[in-house]
C-alpha cells in the first residue's frame, strides 16, 4: 500500500478499504465534520500522471450528474499536490464478484431477481443519460448485506453515438474486460445500450452458474468465442433455471445486437415477466425433488 498524506484537501483519510491497479479506496472524514465519504485515490506511482488523472476526471464527468439509488454518487473530482482523487458516497461493501467468492453464487439465488433488477435500473439510468458503461461485470456492482446494488467505475464509459456522429467518430483503443465484451465492442464499432445488454447477459449467466459463459485458452481465443461461438445454454450448467430464463439469456447475448432487447428497460420488463427458476416439485413426504 503506497504512503499517502493524512489529508487530501479537506478530507482526512480514516480507513483503508482496498486497492486496485491504479487506485486505492479510502473512507474519509471531511474536516468540517459534515460527513463521511469514500475517496478513490491514484496510487503513488501515478501521481501527476495526466492520463490517469484524465480517467478520474472522465469518470466524474460521466456520473456526477446521475442521481439514482443504484448508481454510486460521484460527488467531486480533486487534485491535491498532483494526487488525483474522486469523492464518492459511502458504500464500502463487497462487489458481486467478491461476494460470490466468499459465499458462492448459489447464495444469490434467493435474491436473484432483486439483485439483477437493481443492476439493470442503474445501467438504464446511465444509458438514458447518454452513456455506454463498456465494462459491465460483477466486479463493478457493489452489493450490501441487504442486497442493495450500486453501479460503479465509469472509467472507460463512452458516449452513445448515432447517425453521422457514429460514422465520423474517432476509433480509440479497445478497452474492457474480455469475459464480458460484446462483439461490437471487440470490433471497435460505435456502441449503444445493447453493448451493455450483452455484457449484462454474461453477468446474469454468471450469477446462475458461478462462471462467465465463455472461457478461452488465450485472450484472443476468448474474444473469438464472443464473436463466433454458440451461446452456451444455462440449462446445461444449471438445470434449475427455467426455459424462459434460458431463452432470455440467449437473446441478451445474441451476436447480432438487433436481436437483443433494445434497452435495459425492455430487458428488465422481460425479466420481471418470467420465473427465473423452475418450480420446486415436492414428493408426498414433502421433500424437494
Protein backbone atom coordinates (compact mmCIF):
# COMPACT_ATOMS: atom_id res chain seq x y z
CA UNK A 1 0.00 0.00 0.00
CA UNK A 2 1.53 3.33 -1.09
CA UNK A 3 2.04 6.02 1.53
CA UNK A 4 -0.46 8.86 1.31
CA UNK A 5 -0.66 12.08 3.32
CA UNK A 6 -3.08 12.11 6.23
CA UNK A 7 -5.20 14.73 4.46
CA UNK A 8 -6.24 15.24 0.84
CA UNK A 9 -7.79 18.67 0.56
CA UNK A 10 -10.42 18.89 3.32
CA UNK A 11 -10.62 15.12 3.72
CA UNK A 12 -8.83 13.13 6.44
CA UNK A 13 -8.05 9.58 5.35
CA UNK A 14 -9.58 7.45 8.09
CA UNK A 15 -9.73 3.84 6.89
CA UNK A 16 -8.09 1.95 4.02
CA UNK A 17 -10.61 -0.23 2.20
CA UNK A 18 -8.87 -1.82 -0.77
CA UNK A 19 -6.57 -1.11 -3.72
CA UNK A 20 -6.52 -1.85 -7.43
CA UNK A 21 -4.03 -1.48 -10.27
CA UNK A 22 -4.42 2.29 -10.50
CA UNK A 23 -6.23 3.46 -7.37
CA UNK A 24 -6.76 2.99 -3.65
CA UNK A 25 -10.14 3.25 -1.93
CA UNK A 26 -10.29 5.03 1.43
CA UNK A 27 -13.02 6.03 3.82
CA UNK A 28 -12.51 9.67 4.73
CA UNK A 29 -13.91 12.32 7.07
CA UNK A 30 -14.36 15.93 6.00
CA UNK A 31 -12.53 18.27 8.35
CA UNK A 32 -15.57 20.46 8.93
CA UNK A 33 -17.39 17.46 10.39
CA UNK A 34 -20.00 17.48 7.63
CA UNK A 35 -19.82 13.75 6.99
CA UNK A 36 -18.00 10.64 5.84
CA UNK A 37 -17.05 9.91 2.25
CA UNK A 38 -15.14 7.42 0.13
CA UNK A 39 -12.09 8.64 -1.79
CA UNK A 40 -10.81 6.91 -4.93
CA UNK A 41 -7.16 7.98 -4.99
CA UNK A 42 -4.45 7.39 -7.58
CA UNK A 43 -1.63 5.08 -6.48
CA UNK A 44 1.70 6.76 -5.69
CA UNK A 45 3.35 5.65 -8.96
CA UNK A 46 0.64 7.51 -10.88
CA UNK A 47 0.70 10.83 -9.03
CA UNK A 48 0.89 13.54 -11.66
CA UNK A 49 0.15 11.09 -14.49
CA UNK A 50 -2.00 13.14 -16.86
CA UNK A 51 -3.61 10.13 -18.49
CA UNK A 52 -4.68 8.54 -15.21
CA UNK A 53 -5.86 11.88 -13.83
CA UNK A 54 -7.84 12.23 -17.05
CA UNK A 55 -9.55 8.89 -16.43
CA UNK A 56 -10.67 10.05 -12.98
CA UNK A 57 -11.92 13.34 -14.42
CA UNK A 58 -13.78 11.41 -17.12
CA UNK A 59 -15.41 9.21 -14.50
CA UNK A 60 -16.57 12.32 -12.70
CA UNK A 61 -17.89 13.86 -15.93
CA UNK A 62 -19.89 10.69 -16.71
CA UNK A 63 -21.51 10.09 -13.35
CA UNK A 64 -21.61 13.24 -11.23
CA UNK A 65 -24.97 14.37 -12.60
CA UNK A 66 -26.69 10.99 -12.18
CA UNK A 67 -28.88 10.77 -9.10
CA UNK A 68 -30.16 7.21 -8.71
CA UNK A 69 -30.10 4.76 -5.79
CA UNK A 70 -28.45 2.07 -7.94
CA UNK A 71 -25.62 4.29 -9.24
CA UNK A 72 -22.77 5.30 -6.96
CA UNK A 73 -22.93 9.02 -6.19
CA UNK A 74 -19.79 10.65 -7.64
CA UNK A 75 -19.61 13.90 -5.70
CA UNK A 76 -16.40 15.64 -6.72
CA UNK A 77 -13.06 15.43 -8.53
CA UNK A 78 -9.96 16.99 -7.00
CA UNK A 79 -6.18 17.24 -7.48
CA UNK A 80 -4.03 17.86 -4.40
CA UNK A 81 -0.24 18.12 -4.96
CA UNK A 82 -0.53 16.09 -8.17
CA UNK A 83 -2.66 13.43 -6.42
CA UNK A 84 -5.90 12.98 -8.34
CA UNK A 85 -8.91 11.64 -6.47
CA UNK A 86 -12.67 11.25 -6.63
CA UNK A 87 -15.07 11.88 -3.77
CA UNK A 88 -17.84 9.28 -3.57
CA UNK A 89 -20.73 8.45 -1.28
CA UNK A 90 -20.00 5.94 1.49
CA UNK A 91 -20.77 2.44 0.24
CA UNK A 92 -17.95 0.16 1.32
CA UNK A 93 -19.45 -3.30 0.82
CA UNK A 94 -18.08 -6.09 -1.35
CA UNK A 95 -18.63 -6.14 -5.08
CA UNK A 96 -20.68 -9.01 -6.51
CA UNK A 97 -17.59 -10.91 -7.69
CA UNK A 98 -16.11 -10.78 -4.19
CA UNK A 99 -19.45 -11.73 -2.67
CA UNK A 100 -19.66 -14.84 -4.87
CA UNK A 101 -16.11 -15.83 -3.96
CA UNK A 102 -16.87 -15.59 -0.25
CA UNK A 103 -20.39 -17.04 -0.21
CA UNK A 104 -20.80 -18.95 -3.50
CA UNK A 105 -23.01 -17.89 -6.39
CA UNK A 106 -25.90 -20.02 -5.04
CA UNK A 107 -26.17 -17.62 -2.10
CA UNK A 108 -27.59 -15.03 -4.50
CA UNK A 109 -30.29 -17.23 -5.99
CA UNK A 110 -32.97 -16.43 -3.43
CA UNK A 111 -32.45 -12.73 -4.27
CA UNK A 112 -31.51 -13.18 -7.93
CA UNK A 113 -34.32 -11.07 -9.39
CA UNK A 114 -33.88 -8.34 -6.77
CA UNK A 115 -30.15 -8.07 -7.43
CA UNK A 116 -30.40 -8.17 -11.22
CA UNK A 117 -33.32 -5.70 -11.30
CA UNK A 118 -31.23 -3.13 -9.40
CA UNK A 119 -28.25 -3.67 -11.70
CA UNK A 120 -30.49 -3.13 -14.73
CA UNK A 121 -32.03 0.01 -13.23
CA UNK A 122 -28.59 1.50 -12.62
CA UNK A 123 -27.49 0.74 -16.16
CA UNK A 124 -30.78 2.05 -17.54
CA UNK A 125 -30.13 5.37 -15.81
CA UNK A 126 -26.60 5.54 -17.24
CA UNK A 127 -27.74 4.64 -20.76
CA UNK A 128 -30.59 7.15 -20.66
CA UNK A 129 -28.04 9.81 -19.66
CA UNK A 130 -26.31 9.04 -22.97
CA UNK A 131 -23.51 6.72 -21.88
CA UNK A 132 -22.46 3.11 -22.50
CA UNK A 133 -20.69 1.72 -19.44
CA UNK A 134 -18.37 -0.53 -21.51
CA UNK A 135 -17.16 -2.54 -18.50
CA UNK A 136 -20.26 -4.25 -17.11
CA UNK A 137 -19.10 -7.14 -14.91
CA UNK A 138 -19.78 -8.46 -11.38
CA UNK A 139 -16.76 -6.50 -10.09
CA UNK A 140 -18.47 -3.21 -10.98
CA UNK A 141 -21.59 -3.70 -8.89
CA UNK A 142 -21.31 -3.18 -5.14
CA UNK A 143 -23.62 -5.34 -3.03
CA UNK A 144 -24.68 -4.62 0.54
CA UNK A 145 -25.74 -7.17 3.13
CA UNK A 146 -29.34 -6.03 2.46
CA UNK A 147 -28.86 -6.90 -1.23
CA UNK A 148 -28.70 -3.26 -2.33
CA UNK A 149 -26.77 -2.79 -5.59
CA UNK A 150 -24.66 0.17 -6.77
CA UNK A 151 -23.15 0.51 -10.25
CA UNK A 152 -19.56 1.80 -10.11
CA UNK A 153 -16.44 2.56 -12.22
CA UNK A 154 -17.17 4.71 -15.27
CA UNK A 155 -13.52 4.99 -16.30
CA UNK A 156 -13.98 3.72 -19.87
CA UNK A 157 -17.63 4.70 -20.43
CA UNK A 158 -18.34 6.10 -23.88
CA UNK A 159 -20.92 8.46 -25.28
CA UNK A 160 -23.69 6.76 -27.23
CA UNK A 161 -23.20 7.83 -30.84
CA UNK A 162 -25.80 7.65 -33.58
CA UNK A 163 -26.18 8.70 -37.19
CA UNK A 164 -23.39 10.82 -38.68
CA UNK A 165 -21.70 11.17 -35.30
CA UNK A 166 -21.22 7.40 -35.23
CA UNK A 167 -19.91 7.38 -38.80
CA UNK A 168 -17.23 10.00 -38.13
CA UNK A 169 -16.24 9.13 -34.59
CA UNK A 170 -12.58 8.55 -33.77
CA UNK A 171 -11.70 4.89 -33.21
CA UNK A 172 -9.96 4.70 -29.87
CA UNK A 173 -8.18 1.83 -28.19
CA UNK A 174 -10.39 -1.17 -27.43
CA UNK A 175 -10.83 -1.35 -23.67
CA UNK A 176 -12.94 -3.60 -21.47
CA UNK A 177 -12.91 -6.96 -19.73
CA UNK A 178 -12.63 -9.85 -22.16
CA UNK A 179 -15.03 -12.19 -20.37
CA UNK A 180 -17.91 -9.74 -20.85
CA UNK A 181 -17.21 -7.73 -24.02
CA UNK A 182 -19.87 -7.53 -26.72
CA UNK A 183 -18.94 -8.47 -30.31
CA UNK A 184 -19.33 -4.86 -31.48
CA UNK A 185 -17.07 -3.63 -28.68
CA UNK A 186 -14.42 -6.15 -29.72
CA UNK A 187 -14.75 -4.94 -33.33
CA UNK A 188 -14.40 -1.32 -32.15
CA UNK A 189 -17.71 -0.30 -33.66
CA UNK A 190 -20.00 2.53 -32.46
CA UNK A 191 -21.76 1.42 -29.28
CA UNK A 192 -25.19 1.87 -27.78
CA UNK A 193 -27.07 0.41 -24.81
CA UNK A 194 -27.19 -3.01 -26.46
CA UNK A 195 -23.45 -3.45 -25.84
CA UNK A 196 -24.12 -3.15 -22.11
CA UNK A 197 -27.08 -5.54 -22.52
CA UNK A 198 -24.74 -8.19 -23.95
CA UNK A 199 -22.31 -7.74 -21.06
CA UNK A 200 -25.18 -7.81 -18.57
CA UNK A 201 -26.38 -11.05 -20.16
CA UNK A 202 -22.94 -12.51 -19.37
CA UNK A 203 -23.26 -11.28 -15.78
CA UNK A 204 -26.77 -12.73 -15.41
CA UNK A 205 -25.43 -16.05 -16.71
CA UNK A 206 -22.52 -15.99 -14.23
CA UNK A 207 -24.81 -15.32 -11.28
CA UNK A 208 -26.65 -18.54 -12.14
CA UNK A 209 -23.59 -20.65 -12.88
CA UNK A 210 -20.66 -19.17 -10.96
CA UNK A 211 -18.65 -18.69 -14.17
CA UNK A 212 -18.96 -16.43 -17.23
CA UNK A 213 -20.44 -18.05 -20.36
CA UNK A 214 -17.15 -18.14 -22.27
CA UNK A 215 -13.56 -19.03 -21.42
CA UNK A 216 -10.56 -19.37 -23.71
CA UNK A 217 -7.09 -20.83 -23.90
CA UNK A 218 -5.73 -17.37 -24.69
CA UNK A 219 -7.04 -13.79 -24.67
CA UNK A 220 -7.66 -13.90 -28.44
CA UNK A 221 -9.40 -17.25 -28.16
CA UNK A 222 -11.75 -15.78 -25.56
CA UNK A 223 -12.55 -12.80 -27.78
CA UNK A 224 -13.22 -15.12 -30.72
CA UNK A 225 -15.70 -17.04 -28.56
CA UNK A 226 -17.70 -13.84 -28.11
CA UNK A 227 -17.56 -13.23 -31.84
CA UNK A 228 -18.29 -16.71 -33.19
CA UNK A 229 -19.02 -19.42 -30.61
CA UNK A 230 -22.60 -20.56 -29.94
CA UNK A 231 -24.01 -19.21 -26.71
CA UNK A 232 -23.90 -22.00 -24.11
CA UNK A 233 -27.25 -22.95 -22.65
CA UNK A 234 -27.58 -22.15 -18.98
CA UNK A 235 -29.78 -25.25 -18.66
CA UNK A 236 -26.72 -27.47 -19.09
CA UNK A 237 -24.85 -25.63 -16.34
CA UNK A 238 -27.84 -25.17 -14.03
CA UNK A 239 -30.90 -27.34 -14.79
CA UNK A 240 -32.90 -25.49 -12.09
CA UNK A 241 -33.16 -22.45 -14.37
CA UNK A 242 -36.44 -22.06 -16.26
CA UNK A 243 -36.73 -22.38 -20.03
CA UNK A 244 -37.96 -18.77 -20.20
CA UNK A 245 -34.88 -17.51 -18.39
CA UNK A 246 -32.62 -19.58 -20.63
CA UNK A 247 -34.29 -18.04 -23.68
CA UNK A 248 -33.90 -14.52 -22.28
CA UNK A 249 -30.17 -15.07 -21.75
CA UNK A 250 -29.83 -16.29 -25.33
CA UNK A 251 -31.47 -13.09 -26.58
CA UNK A 252 -29.44 -10.82 -24.31
CA UNK A 253 -26.20 -12.40 -25.57
CA UNK A 254 -27.15 -12.57 -29.25
CA UNK A 255 -24.18 -11.92 -31.54
CA UNK A 256 -26.36 -9.61 -33.65
CA UNK A 257 -27.31 -6.65 -31.46
CA UNK A 258 -30.53 -6.17 -33.44
CA UNK A 259 -31.72 -9.45 -31.91
CA UNK A 260 -31.16 -8.31 -28.33
CA UNK A 261 -33.65 -6.34 -26.23
CA UNK A 262 -33.44 -2.70 -27.31
CA UNK A 263 -32.91 -1.21 -23.86
CA UNK A 264 -32.31 -2.03 -20.22
CA UNK A 265 -35.93 -1.08 -19.60
CA UNK A 266 -37.11 -3.75 -22.05
CA UNK A 267 -34.72 -6.35 -20.60
CA UNK A 268 -35.97 -5.52 -17.11
CA UNK A 269 -39.60 -5.86 -18.18
CA UNK A 270 -38.95 -9.26 -19.73
CA UNK A 271 -37.09 -10.44 -16.62
CA UNK A 272 -39.99 -9.35 -14.39
CA UNK A 273 -42.50 -11.23 -16.54
CA UNK A 274 -40.92 -14.69 -16.11
CA UNK A 275 -39.83 -17.12 -13.41
CA UNK A 276 -36.04 -17.36 -13.20
CA UNK A 277 -36.15 -20.89 -11.78
CA UNK A 278 -38.35 -23.88 -12.45
CA UNK A 279 -41.00 -24.58 -9.81
CA UNK A 280 -39.77 -26.77 -6.98
CA UNK A 281 -41.64 -30.08 -7.01
CA UNK A 282 -42.33 -31.86 -3.75
CA UNK A 283 -42.97 -35.53 -3.21
CA UNK A 284 -45.65 -36.88 -0.88
CA UNK A 285 -43.24 -36.73 2.06
CA UNK A 286 -42.79 -33.01 1.44
CA UNK A 287 -39.18 -33.28 0.29
CA UNK A 288 -37.92 -31.14 -2.58
CA UNK A 289 -37.15 -33.00 -5.78
